């Protein structure tokens, strides 16, 4: 009987470990997919026309601030890496 309990305990431990690993892989793949989708949407967005400051320079700045805020939120959530964040930030700022 002790051998049977030991076998059951070992099976339960292995099954628990396998489940944890499977869940981690699934979360990682979902995160990658979300980052790739986000990156594709950034690449598909047309570049906003450069404002020469003539028609309401404040409107363009509001758009830039909104994009930077959204970008910061994506980084905070872990959707973007530091490198992706820096790349998109420089694209938004035009530098």
Protein backbone atom coordinates (compact mmCIF):
# COMPACT_ATOMS: atom_id res chain seq x y z
CA UNK A 1 0.00 0.00 0.00
CA UNK A 2 2.80 2.55 0.71
CA UNK A 3 4.21 1.93 -2.76
CA UNK A 4 0.82 2.70 -4.31
CA UNK A 5 0.50 5.97 -2.38
CA UNK A 6 4.04 6.95 -3.33
CA UNK A 7 3.22 6.25 -7.00
CA UNK A 8 0.03 8.31 -6.80
CA UNK A 9 1.87 11.19 -5.14
CA UNK A 10 4.59 11.12 -7.80
CA UNK A 11 1.99 11.05 -10.59
CA UNK A 12 0.16 14.00 -9.03
CA UNK A 13 3.39 15.98 -8.73
CA UNK A 14 4.33 15.28 -12.34
CA UNK A 15 0.84 16.16 -13.57
CA UNK A 16 0.88 19.40 -11.59
CA UNK A 17 4.27 20.35 -12.99
CA UNK A 18 3.17 19.55 -16.53
CA UNK A 19 0.04 21.67 -16.11
CA UNK A 20 2.06 24.60 -14.77
CA UNK A 21 4.54 24.40 -17.65
CA UNK A 22 1.74 24.12 -20.21
CA UNK A 23 -0.03 27.17 -18.76
CA UNK A 24 3.20 29.17 -18.80
CA UNK A 25 3.87 28.28 -22.45
CA UNK A 26 0.30 29.23 -23.38
CA UNK A 27 0.59 32.61 -21.63
CA UNK A 28 3.94 33.28 -23.30
CA UNK A 29 2.56 32.43 -26.76
CA UNK A 30 -0.51 34.60 -26.17
CA UNK A 31 1.73 37.48 -25.12
CA UNK A 32 3.87 37.09 -28.23
CA UNK A 33 0.80 37.03 -30.41
CA UNK A 34 -0.52 40.18 -28.78
CA UNK A 35 2.83 41.95 -29.23
CA UNK A 36 3.01 40.92 -32.89
CA UNK A 37 -0.56 42.09 -33.49
CA UNK A 38 0.19 45.38 -31.78
CA UNK A 39 3.37 45.84 -33.77
CA UNK A 40 1.53 45.10 -37.03
CA UNK A 41 -1.14 47.68 -36.18
CA UNK A 42 1.55 50.28 -35.53
CA UNK A 43 3.21 49.48 -38.84
CA UNK A 44 -0.10 49.70 -40.71
CA UNK A 45 -1.05 53.11 -39.30
CA UNK A 46 -0.26 55.89 -41.74
CA UNK A 47 2.20 58.50 -40.59
CA UNK A 48 0.39 61.66 -39.51
CA UNK A 49 1.21 64.68 -41.64
CA UNK A 50 3.86 66.91 -40.13
CA UNK A 51 2.36 70.09 -38.76
CA UNK A 52 4.14 73.33 -39.53
CA UNK A 53 2.41 74.93 -36.57
CA UNK A 54 0.06 76.96 -38.76
CA UNK A 55 -3.31 75.37 -38.25
CA UNK A 56 -3.54 74.55 -34.57
CA UNK A 57 -0.33 73.17 -33.26
CA UNK A 58 -2.08 72.06 -30.06
CA UNK A 59 -4.18 69.44 -31.91
CA UNK A 60 -1.12 67.60 -33.19
CA UNK A 61 0.48 67.66 -29.76
CA UNK A 62 -2.66 66.13 -28.24
CA UNK A 63 -2.43 63.23 -30.68
CA UNK A 64 1.24 62.69 -29.84
CA UNK A 65 0.50 62.75 -26.11
CA UNK A 66 -2.37 60.30 -26.55
CA UNK A 67 -0.15 57.93 -28.54
CA UNK A 68 2.65 58.18 -25.98
CA UNK A 69 0.19 57.55 -23.15
CA UNK A 70 -1.16 54.47 -24.93
CA UNK A 71 2.38 53.28 -25.64
CA UNK A 72 3.35 53.70 -21.98
CA UNK A 73 0.31 51.72 -20.90
CA UNK A 74 1.20 48.87 -23.26
CA UNK A 75 4.72 48.80 -21.83
CA UNK A 76 3.39 48.83 -18.27
CA UNK A 77 1.12 45.88 -19.08
CA UNK A 78 4.08 43.96 -20.45
CA UNK A 79 2.81 43.88 -24.03
CA UNK A 80 5.85 45.83 -25.27
CA UNK A 81 9.45 45.25 -24.37
CA UNK A 82 11.78 48.14 -23.55
CA UNK A 83 13.29 47.98 -27.05
CA UNK A 84 9.87 47.94 -28.76
CA UNK A 85 8.76 50.83 -26.56
CA UNK A 86 11.83 52.89 -27.48
CA UNK A 87 11.39 52.14 -31.19
CA UNK A 88 7.73 53.16 -31.23
CA UNK A 89 8.40 56.22 -29.07
CA UNK A 90 11.06 57.47 -31.47
CA UNK A 91 8.69 56.82 -34.40
CA UNK A 92 5.93 58.87 -32.71
CA UNK A 93 8.30 61.69 -31.83
CA UNK A 94 9.78 61.63 -35.31
CA UNK A 95 13.38 61.40 -34.15
